Each structure stands twice: as structure tokens, then as C-alpha cells.
Amino acid sequence: MIRVLIVDDEDTVRLLYQKVLESYGWTVQSVAHAEEAIEIVQQESFDVIVLDIEMPDINGLELLPRLREITPDTRIILNTAYSVYKTDFHSWFADDYLVKSSDLTELKQKIEELVGS
């Protein structure tokens, strides 16, 4: 079973992603803040982290290396409404980069691709 952590400050995005990804039989947890993400990955393991970039406390590009340090084998997908970050050097440390969409088909495919299912 695939375990996914959603890190996004928008309640509606977290709810949508959680409901859709759970419908595939996956275990999904979600958090709204970077500090919550750090706490949870120190306690639990995930196959994939779906990480927003624009967040109020610590942005996803700053959080990414901290998550890599804690859980180096977990796949991380940057998921943002802004395509401009794709060329940012810091985004290259992610396993993939997706622009947010209400159609989660591409996200589902990327997760399956990254975990090899």
C-alpha cells in the first residue's frame, strides 16, 4: 500500500488530494505547515511527499532539503500553482515537479511511477 504525505497550506487542496488519493486505496495524511511535516516524517515513513512551495511559514523549497535530510529515501514531488519555480535550482532536488490541477491523473501517475507500482 502506498503511503503519501500531503504538505499544503490550503485546506481545500489537502482535502481534495486526500479524498482522491485515498480512493485508490492509498494511505494519505496531510499537514498544513512545514513544522508539522518535519514532525510527522520524524515519526512515520512515507513513500511519497507531495509538497507545496508557497506556504506562509517555510516555503517548500526551503523545506525540501530538511525533509531529504530526515528521510532521504522518500520520493518528493513539488506541487505548486506556479510554473516559474521549475527553473529554480532548489527545485531540482525534488524527484518531480507538477503544476497544481483539479485533475489529479498526472499526480497519481507520477506517484505510481516513483514508487514503482
N, C-alpha and C. Protein backbone atom coordinates (compact mmCIF):
# COMPACT_ATOMS: atom_id res chain seq x y z
N MET A 1 0.84 -1.18 0.00
CA MET A 1 0.00 0.00 0.00
C MET A 1 0.89 1.25 0.00
N ILE A 2 0.57 2.19 -0.85
CA ILE A 2 1.34 3.43 -0.97
C ILE A 2 0.94 4.38 0.15
N ARG A 3 1.96 4.96 0.79
CA ARG A 3 1.75 5.95 1.85
C ARG A 3 2.19 7.32 1.36
N VAL A 4 1.27 8.29 1.42
CA VAL A 4 1.52 9.62 0.88
C VAL A 4 1.30 10.67 1.97
N LEU A 5 2.20 11.65 2.01
CA LEU A 5 2.03 12.81 2.87
C LEU A 5 1.82 14.03 1.99
N ILE A 6 0.73 14.75 2.23
CA ILE A 6 0.43 15.99 1.52
C ILE A 6 0.82 17.15 2.44
N VAL A 7 1.66 18.06 1.94
CA VAL A 7 2.06 19.24 2.70
C VAL A 7 1.60 20.46 1.90
N ASP A 8 0.52 21.09 2.36
CA ASP A 8 -0.06 22.23 1.64
C ASP A 8 -0.84 23.08 2.62
N ASP A 9 -0.69 24.38 2.53
CA ASP A 9 -1.38 25.27 3.47
C ASP A 9 -2.84 25.51 3.10
N GLU A 10 -3.27 25.11 1.93
CA GLU A 10 -4.66 25.32 1.51
C GLU A 10 -5.52 24.11 1.90
N ASP A 11 -6.51 24.39 2.75
CA ASP A 11 -7.40 23.33 3.24
C ASP A 11 -8.09 22.57 2.10
N THR A 12 -8.59 23.30 1.11
CA THR A 12 -9.33 22.65 0.02
C THR A 12 -8.43 21.74 -0.80
N VAL A 13 -7.18 22.13 -1.00
CA VAL A 13 -6.24 21.30 -1.76
C VAL A 13 -5.95 20.02 -0.98
N ARG A 14 -5.67 20.16 0.31
CA ARG A 14 -5.39 18.98 1.13
C ARG A 14 -6.57 18.02 1.13
N LEU A 15 -7.77 18.55 1.30
CA LEU A 15 -8.96 17.71 1.33
C LEU A 15 -9.18 17.00 -0.01
N LEU A 16 -9.08 17.73 -1.11
CA LEU A 16 -9.24 17.13 -2.44
C LEU A 16 -8.22 16.04 -2.68
N TYR A 17 -6.96 16.34 -2.45
CA TYR A 17 -5.90 15.37 -2.69
C TYR A 17 -6.08 14.13 -1.81
N GLN A 18 -6.40 14.36 -0.54
CA GLN A 18 -6.56 13.23 0.36
C GLN A 18 -7.70 12.33 -0.08
N LYS A 19 -8.84 12.91 -0.40
CA LYS A 19 -10.01 12.12 -0.81
C LYS A 19 -9.72 11.33 -2.09
N VAL A 20 -9.14 11.99 -3.08
CA VAL A 20 -8.87 11.32 -4.36
C VAL A 20 -7.83 10.22 -4.20
N LEU A 21 -6.73 10.52 -3.53
CA LEU A 21 -5.66 9.52 -3.39
C LEU A 21 -6.09 8.35 -2.51
N GLU A 22 -6.91 8.61 -1.51
CA GLU A 22 -7.44 7.51 -0.70
C GLU A 22 -8.38 6.62 -1.50
N SER A 23 -9.02 7.19 -2.51
CA SER A 23 -9.93 6.38 -3.34
C SER A 23 -9.17 5.32 -4.14
N TYR A 24 -7.85 5.46 -4.25
CA TYR A 24 -7.02 4.44 -4.91
C TYR A 24 -6.56 3.37 -3.94
N GLY A 25 -7.01 3.49 -2.69
CA GLY A 25 -6.61 2.52 -1.68
C GLY A 25 -5.32 2.89 -0.98
N TRP A 26 -4.83 4.09 -1.18
CA TRP A 26 -3.59 4.53 -0.57
C TRP A 26 -3.86 5.13 0.81
N THR A 27 -2.85 5.10 1.67
CA THR A 27 -2.92 5.75 2.96
C THR A 27 -2.39 7.17 2.79
N VAL A 28 -3.18 8.15 3.17
CA VAL A 28 -2.82 9.55 2.94
C VAL A 28 -2.98 10.32 4.25
N GLN A 29 -1.96 11.10 4.57
CA GLN A 29 -2.03 12.04 5.68
C GLN A 29 -1.72 13.41 5.11
N SER A 30 -2.22 14.44 5.77
CA SER A 30 -1.95 15.78 5.27
C SER A 30 -1.67 16.72 6.43
N VAL A 31 -0.81 17.69 6.14
CA VAL A 31 -0.46 18.72 7.13
C VAL A 31 -0.44 20.07 6.42
N ALA A 32 -0.63 21.13 7.21
CA ALA A 32 -0.74 22.47 6.64
C ALA A 32 0.54 23.29 6.73
N HIS A 33 1.48 22.86 7.56
CA HIS A 33 2.67 23.67 7.81
C HIS A 33 3.94 22.85 7.75
N ALA A 34 5.02 23.52 7.46
CA ALA A 34 6.33 22.87 7.34
C ALA A 34 6.75 22.18 8.64
N GLU A 35 6.54 22.84 9.75
CA GLU A 35 6.94 22.25 11.04
C GLU A 35 6.17 20.96 11.31
N GLU A 36 4.90 20.92 10.93
CA GLU A 36 4.11 19.69 11.09
C GLU A 36 4.69 18.58 10.21
N ALA A 37 5.12 18.95 9.01
CA ALA A 37 5.70 17.97 8.09
C ALA A 37 6.98 17.38 8.68
N ILE A 38 7.80 18.24 9.24
CA ILE A 38 9.04 17.77 9.85
C ILE A 38 8.74 16.80 11.00
N GLU A 39 7.80 17.17 11.85
CA GLU A 39 7.44 16.30 12.98
C GLU A 39 6.94 14.94 12.52
N ILE A 40 6.07 14.93 11.53
CA ILE A 40 5.46 13.66 11.12
C ILE A 40 6.46 12.75 10.41
N VAL A 41 7.38 13.31 9.60
CA VAL A 41 8.35 12.43 8.92
C VAL A 41 9.42 11.92 9.88
N GLN A 42 9.55 12.56 11.03
CA GLN A 42 10.46 12.04 12.05
C GLN A 42 9.84 10.84 12.78
N GLN A 43 8.51 10.73 12.71
CA GLN A 43 7.80 9.68 13.43
C GLN A 43 7.29 8.55 12.54
N GLU A 44 7.00 8.88 11.27
CA GLU A 44 6.39 7.90 10.37
C GLU A 44 7.12 7.91 9.03
N SER A 45 6.95 6.80 8.29
CA SER A 45 7.57 6.74 6.97
C SER A 45 6.50 6.85 5.89
N PHE A 46 6.90 7.46 4.78
CA PHE A 46 6.03 7.65 3.62
C PHE A 46 6.78 7.26 2.37
N ASP A 47 6.03 6.82 1.38
CA ASP A 47 6.64 6.52 0.09
C ASP A 47 6.86 7.80 -0.71
N VAL A 48 5.90 8.73 -0.59
CA VAL A 48 5.93 9.97 -1.36
C VAL A 48 5.44 11.12 -0.50
N ILE A 49 6.10 12.27 -0.67
CA ILE A 49 5.63 13.52 -0.07
C ILE A 49 5.26 14.45 -1.22
N VAL A 50 4.04 14.97 -1.20
CA VAL A 50 3.58 15.95 -2.18
C VAL A 50 3.67 17.30 -1.49
N LEU A 51 4.58 18.13 -1.95
CA LEU A 51 4.99 19.32 -1.23
C LEU A 51 4.67 20.60 -2.00
N ASP A 52 3.85 21.45 -1.39
CA ASP A 52 3.55 22.76 -1.95
C ASP A 52 4.78 23.65 -1.78
N ILE A 53 4.90 24.67 -2.62
CA ILE A 53 6.03 25.60 -2.49
C ILE A 53 5.63 26.85 -1.71
N GLU A 54 4.56 27.50 -2.13
CA GLU A 54 4.13 28.75 -1.50
C GLU A 54 3.35 28.46 -0.22
N MET A 55 4.06 28.52 0.91
CA MET A 55 3.43 28.33 2.21
C MET A 55 3.89 29.47 3.13
N PRO A 56 3.09 29.83 4.12
CA PRO A 56 3.40 31.02 4.91
C PRO A 56 4.59 30.91 5.87
N ASP A 57 4.84 29.76 6.44
CA ASP A 57 5.90 29.68 7.44
C ASP A 57 7.27 29.42 6.80
N ILE A 58 7.44 28.30 6.21
CA ILE A 58 8.66 27.94 5.49
C ILE A 58 8.21 27.47 4.12
N ASN A 59 8.76 28.01 3.06
CA ASN A 59 8.29 27.57 1.75
C ASN A 59 8.86 26.20 1.41
N GLY A 60 8.23 25.56 0.44
CA GLY A 60 8.59 24.20 0.08
C GLY A 60 10.03 24.03 -0.39
N LEU A 61 10.59 25.06 -1.02
CA LEU A 61 11.98 24.96 -1.48
C LEU A 61 12.95 24.97 -0.31
N GLU A 62 12.58 25.65 0.78
CA GLU A 62 13.40 25.63 1.99
C GLU A 62 13.19 24.34 2.77
N LEU A 63 11.97 23.83 2.74
CA LEU A 63 11.64 22.61 3.46
C LEU A 63 12.22 21.37 2.80
N LEU A 64 12.31 21.37 1.50
CA LEU A 64 12.77 20.20 0.73
C LEU A 64 14.09 19.63 1.25
N PRO A 65 15.17 20.41 1.40
CA PRO A 65 16.42 19.79 1.89
C PRO A 65 16.31 19.27 3.32
N ARG A 66 15.47 19.89 4.13
CA ARG A 66 15.29 19.42 5.50
C ARG A 66 14.60 18.06 5.50
N LEU A 67 13.61 17.89 4.63
CA LEU A 67 12.93 16.60 4.51
C LEU A 67 13.89 15.54 3.98
N ARG A 68 14.71 15.91 2.99
CA ARG A 68 15.69 14.97 2.43
C ARG A 68 16.66 14.48 3.49
N GLU A 69 17.04 15.39 4.38
CA GLU A 69 17.96 15.04 5.44
C GLU A 69 17.34 14.02 6.41
N ILE A 70 16.07 14.23 6.73
CA ILE A 70 15.37 13.35 7.67
C ILE A 70 15.03 12.01 7.04
N THR A 71 14.56 12.04 5.80
CA THR A 71 14.08 10.83 5.13
C THR A 71 14.58 10.78 3.69
N PRO A 72 15.86 10.44 3.51
CA PRO A 72 16.49 10.53 2.18
C PRO A 72 15.89 9.61 1.11
N ASP A 73 15.24 8.54 1.50
CA ASP A 73 14.70 7.60 0.51
C ASP A 73 13.27 7.91 0.08
N THR A 74 12.63 8.85 0.75
CA THR A 74 11.25 9.20 0.40
C THR A 74 11.25 10.05 -0.85
N ARG A 75 10.39 9.71 -1.79
CA ARG A 75 10.24 10.48 -3.02
C ARG A 75 9.48 11.76 -2.71
N ILE A 76 9.92 12.87 -3.32
CA ILE A 76 9.28 14.16 -3.07
C ILE A 76 8.87 14.78 -4.40
N ILE A 77 7.58 15.13 -4.48
CA ILE A 77 7.04 15.82 -5.64
C ILE A 77 6.69 17.25 -5.24
N LEU A 78 7.32 18.22 -5.88
CA LEU A 78 6.92 19.60 -5.67
C LEU A 78 5.64 19.82 -6.45
N ASN A 79 4.66 20.41 -5.80
CA ASN A 79 3.34 20.58 -6.40
C ASN A 79 2.89 22.01 -6.12
N THR A 80 2.88 22.84 -7.15
CA THR A 80 2.63 24.25 -6.95
C THR A 80 1.77 24.83 -8.05
N ALA A 81 1.16 25.95 -7.78
CA ALA A 81 0.35 26.64 -8.79
C ALA A 81 1.24 27.47 -9.72
N TYR A 82 2.52 27.56 -9.42
CA TYR A 82 3.43 28.45 -10.15
C TYR A 82 4.49 27.66 -10.91
N SER A 83 4.46 27.74 -12.22
CA SER A 83 5.45 27.02 -13.02
C SER A 83 6.82 27.68 -12.98
N VAL A 84 6.90 28.92 -12.53
CA VAL A 84 8.16 29.66 -12.51
C VAL A 84 9.22 28.99 -11.64
N TYR A 85 8.82 28.27 -10.62
CA TYR A 85 9.79 27.63 -9.72
C TYR A 85 10.49 26.43 -10.37
N LYS A 86 9.97 25.96 -11.47
CA LYS A 86 10.56 24.78 -12.12
C LYS A 86 12.01 25.03 -12.52
N THR A 87 12.35 26.28 -12.82
CA THR A 87 13.72 26.60 -13.22
C THR A 87 14.60 26.98 -12.03
N ASP A 88 14.03 27.05 -10.84
CA ASP A 88 14.80 27.37 -9.64
C ASP A 88 15.69 26.18 -9.30
N PHE A 89 16.95 26.43 -9.11
CA PHE A 89 17.92 25.38 -8.81
C PHE A 89 17.48 24.50 -7.65
N HIS A 90 16.87 25.09 -6.63
CA HIS A 90 16.45 24.32 -5.45
C HIS A 90 15.38 23.27 -5.78
N SER A 91 14.59 23.52 -6.80
CA SER A 91 13.54 22.55 -7.16
C SER A 91 14.13 21.29 -7.78
N TRP A 92 15.36 21.35 -8.21
CA TRP A 92 16.00 20.19 -8.83
C TRP A 92 16.24 19.06 -7.83
N PHE A 93 16.16 19.35 -6.56
CA PHE A 93 16.36 18.33 -5.53
C PHE A 93 15.13 17.47 -5.32
N ALA A 94 14.02 17.87 -5.93
CA ALA A 94 12.80 17.06 -5.85
C ALA A 94 12.87 15.95 -6.89
N ASP A 95 12.09 14.92 -6.69
CA ASP A 95 12.04 13.82 -7.65
C ASP A 95 11.17 14.18 -8.86
N ASP A 96 10.24 15.10 -8.66
CA ASP A 96 9.38 15.55 -9.76
C ASP A 96 8.76 16.88 -9.40
N TYR A 97 8.17 17.53 -10.39
CA TYR A 97 7.60 18.86 -10.24
C TYR A 97 6.31 18.89 -11.05
N LEU A 98 5.21 19.21 -10.39
CA LEU A 98 3.93 19.28 -11.08
C LEU A 98 3.25 20.61 -10.77
N VAL A 99 2.57 21.16 -11.76
CA VAL A 99 1.74 22.33 -11.54
C VAL A 99 0.38 21.84 -11.08
N LYS A 100 -0.16 22.47 -10.03
CA LYS A 100 -1.43 22.03 -9.45
C LYS A 100 -2.55 22.03 -10.48
N SER A 101 -3.43 21.06 -10.32
CA SER A 101 -4.58 20.91 -11.18
C SER A 101 -5.68 20.22 -10.39
N SER A 102 -6.92 20.48 -10.75
CA SER A 102 -8.01 19.76 -10.10
C SER A 102 -8.13 18.33 -10.64
N ASP A 103 -7.51 18.07 -11.79
CA ASP A 103 -7.43 16.73 -12.35
C ASP A 103 -6.16 16.08 -11.80
N LEU A 104 -6.32 15.11 -10.95
CA LEU A 104 -5.17 14.50 -10.28
C LEU A 104 -4.60 13.28 -10.99
N THR A 105 -4.98 13.09 -12.24
CA THR A 105 -4.49 11.95 -13.02
C THR A 105 -2.97 11.95 -13.12
N GLU A 106 -2.40 13.11 -13.45
CA GLU A 106 -0.94 13.19 -13.60
C GLU A 106 -0.25 12.94 -12.26
N LEU A 107 -0.79 13.48 -11.18
CA LEU A 107 -0.21 13.25 -9.86
C LEU A 107 -0.24 11.77 -9.51
N LYS A 108 -1.35 11.12 -9.76
CA LYS A 108 -1.47 9.69 -9.50
C LYS A 108 -0.42 8.91 -10.29
N GLN A 109 -0.28 9.25 -11.57
CA GLN A 109 0.69 8.56 -12.43
C GLN A 109 2.12 8.77 -11.93
N LYS A 110 2.44 9.98 -11.52
CA LYS A 110 3.80 10.27 -11.03
C LYS A 110 4.08 9.51 -9.75
N ILE A 111 3.12 9.46 -8.86
CA ILE A 111 3.31 8.72 -7.61
C ILE A 111 3.56 7.25 -7.91
N GLU A 112 2.75 6.66 -8.77
CA GLU A 112 2.93 5.24 -9.12
C GLU A 112 4.28 5.02 -9.79
N GLU A 113 4.68 5.93 -10.63
CA GLU A 113 5.96 5.84 -11.32
C GLU A 113 7.11 5.89 -10.32
N LEU A 114 7.04 6.80 -9.36
CA LEU A 114 8.12 6.97 -8.40
C LEU A 114 8.24 5.83 -7.42
N VAL A 115 7.13 5.21 -7.05
CA VAL A 115 7.20 4.10 -6.09
C VAL A 115 7.26 2.74 -6.79
N GLY A 116 7.16 2.76 -8.10
CA GLY A 116 7.30 1.52 -8.85
C GLY A 116 6.13 0.58 -8.77
N SER A 117 4.88 1.16 -8.66
CA SER A 117 3.74 0.26 -8.64
C SER A 117 3.04 0.22 -9.95
